[in-house]
C-alpha atoms as a PDB file:
ATOM      1  CA  MET A   1    -174.071  -8.717   1.357  1.00  0.00           C
ATOM      2  CA  PHE A   2    -174.752  -6.246   4.159  1.00  0.00           C
ATOM      3  CA  LEU A   3    -174.158  -2.632   3.055  1.00  0.00           C
ATOM      4  CA  GLY A   4    -172.997  -3.551  -0.474  1.00  0.00           C
ATOM      5  CA  GLU A   5    -170.481  -5.594  -2.291  1.00  0.00           C
ATOM      6  CA  ASN A   6    -167.648  -3.054  -2.108  1.00  0.00           C
ATOM      7  CA  LEU A   7    -167.941  -1.972   1.504  1.00  0.00           C
ATOM      8  CA  ILE A   8    -164.284  -2.624   2.447  1.00  0.00           C
ATOM      9  CA  THR A   9    -163.104  -0.742  -0.661  1.00  0.00           C
ATOM     10  CA  TRP A  10    -165.238   2.273   0.154  1.00  0.00           C
ATOM     11  CA  LEU A  11    -163.935   2.249   3.715  1.00  0.00           C
ATOM     12  CA  VAL A  12    -160.300   2.076   2.572  1.00  0.00           C
ATOM     13  CA  LEU A  13    -161.007   4.956   0.189  1.00  0.00           C
ATOM     14  CA  ALA A  14    -162.513   7.071   3.014  1.00  0.00           C
ATOM     15  CA  LEU A  15    -159.845   6.296   5.600  1.00  0.00           C
ATOM     16  CA  GLY A  16    -156.959   6.643   3.130  1.00  0.00           C
ATOM     17  CA  GLY A  17    -158.235   9.998   1.898  1.00  0.00           C
ATOM     18  CA  ALA A  18    -158.786  11.228   5.433  1.00  0.00           C
ATOM     19  CA  LEU A  19    -155.251  10.088   6.439  1.00  0.00           C
ATOM     20  CA  ALA A  20    -153.720  11.866   3.452  1.00  0.00           C
ATOM     21  CA  VAL A  21    -155.667  15.129   3.707  1.00  0.00           C
ATOM     22  CA  GLY A  22    -155.400  15.357   7.467  1.00  0.00           C
ATOM     23  CA  ASN A  23    -151.624  14.956   7.484  1.00  0.00           C
ATOM     24  CA  VAL A  24    -151.078  17.383   4.658  1.00  0.00           C
ATOM     25  CA  LEU A  25    -153.239  19.996   6.390  1.00  0.00           C
ATOM     26  CA  ALA A  26    -151.214  19.442   9.626  1.00  0.00           C
ATOM     27  CA  LEU A  27    -148.117  20.424   7.697  1.00  0.00           C
ATOM     28  CA  VAL A  28    -149.655  23.278   5.783  1.00  0.00           C
ATOM     29  CA  LYS A  29    -151.617  24.930   8.549  1.00  0.00           C
ATOM     30  CA  PRO A  30    -150.512  24.032  12.084  1.00  0.00           C
ATOM     31  CA  PRO A  31    -152.624  25.289  15.011  1.00  0.00           C
ATOM     32  CA  ALA A  32    -152.523  29.024  15.653  1.00  0.00           C
ATOM     33  CA  GLN A  33    -151.788  28.589  19.367  1.00  0.00           C
ATOM     34  CA  GLN A  34    -150.650  25.698  21.487  1.00  0.00           C
ATOM     35  CA  SER A  35    -153.282  24.410  23.873  1.00  0.00           C
ATOM     36  CA  ASP A  36    -150.867  22.980  26.467  1.00  0.00           C
ATOM     37  CA  ALA A  37    -147.217  22.008  27.032  1.00  0.00           C
ATOM     38  CA  GLU A  38    -147.748  18.355  25.901  1.00  0.00           C
ATOM     39  CA  ASN A  39    -148.871  19.207  22.321  1.00  0.00           C
ATOM     40  CA  LEU A  40    -146.285  19.878  19.640  1.00  0.00           C
ATOM     41  CA  ALA A  41    -146.115  23.351  18.044  1.00  0.00           C
ATOM     42  CA  LYS A  42    -145.927  21.781  14.612  1.00  0.00           C
ATOM     43  CA  ALA A  43    -146.182  18.296  13.168  1.00  0.00           C
ATOM     44  CA  PRO A  44    -142.989  16.230  12.673  1.00  0.00           C
ATOM     45  CA  VAL A  45    -142.277  16.566   8.911  1.00  0.00           C
ATOM     46  CA  THR A  46    -140.916  13.099   8.127  1.00  0.00           C
ATOM     47  CA  ARG A  47    -143.553  11.111  10.007  1.00  0.00           C
ATOM     48  CA  THR A  48    -146.361  13.359   8.664  1.00  0.00           C
ATOM     49  CA  LEU A  49    -145.202  12.974   5.032  1.00  0.00           C
ATOM     50  CA  VAL A  50    -144.852   9.194   5.387  1.00  0.00           C
ATOM     51  CA  MET A  51    -148.370   8.864   6.797  1.00  0.00           C
ATOM     52  CA  ALA A  52    -149.767  11.190   4.056  1.00  0.00           C
ATOM     53  CA  ILE A  53    -148.116   9.046   1.357  1.00  0.00           C
ATOM     54  CA  ILE A  54    -149.478   5.860   2.909  1.00  0.00           C
ATOM     55  CA  GLY A  55    -152.996   7.393   2.979  1.00  0.00           C
ATOM     56  CA  ALA A  56    -152.721   8.564  -0.601  1.00  0.00           C
ATOM     57  CA  ILE A  57    -151.564   5.130  -1.790  1.00  0.00           C
ATOM     58  CA  ALA A  58    -154.487   3.471  -0.005  1.00  0.00           C
ATOM     59  CA  ALA A  59    -156.976   5.991  -1.424  1.00  0.00           C
ATOM     60  CA  VAL A  60    -155.668   5.642  -4.977  1.00  0.00           C
ATOM     61  CA  TRP A  61    -155.630   1.831  -4.714  1.00  0.00           C
ATOM     62  CA  ALA A  62    -159.250   1.792  -3.498  1.00  0.00           C
ATOM     63  CA  PHE A  63    -160.345   4.253  -6.184  1.00  0.00           C
ATOM     64  CA  VAL A  64    -158.756   2.188  -8.930  1.00  0.00           C
ATOM     65  CA  SER A  65    -160.321  -0.958  -7.478  1.00  0.00           C
ATOM     66  CA  LEU A  66    -163.769   0.648  -7.557  1.00  0.00           C
ATOM     67  CA  VAL A  67    -163.345   1.955 -11.113  1.00  0.00           C
ATOM     68  CA  ALA A  68    -161.939  -1.270 -12.455  1.00  0.00           C
ATOM     69  CA  GLY A  69    -164.952  -3.123 -11.099  1.00  0.00           C
END
């Protein structure tokens, strides 16, 4: 198979991890200054937490799939 047997699992792990880490960092450390009037000063808490949880679930699922073989 092109690029390995577990390509989709590796991609889910990478995207899920990025989704989780990016959203948590958006909550923990918002931008120091606002670039323009259209951008929010801080991330919406509920939506950001939901997206971080979805990313974490995807990353854990992919990791377990890789370890289980």
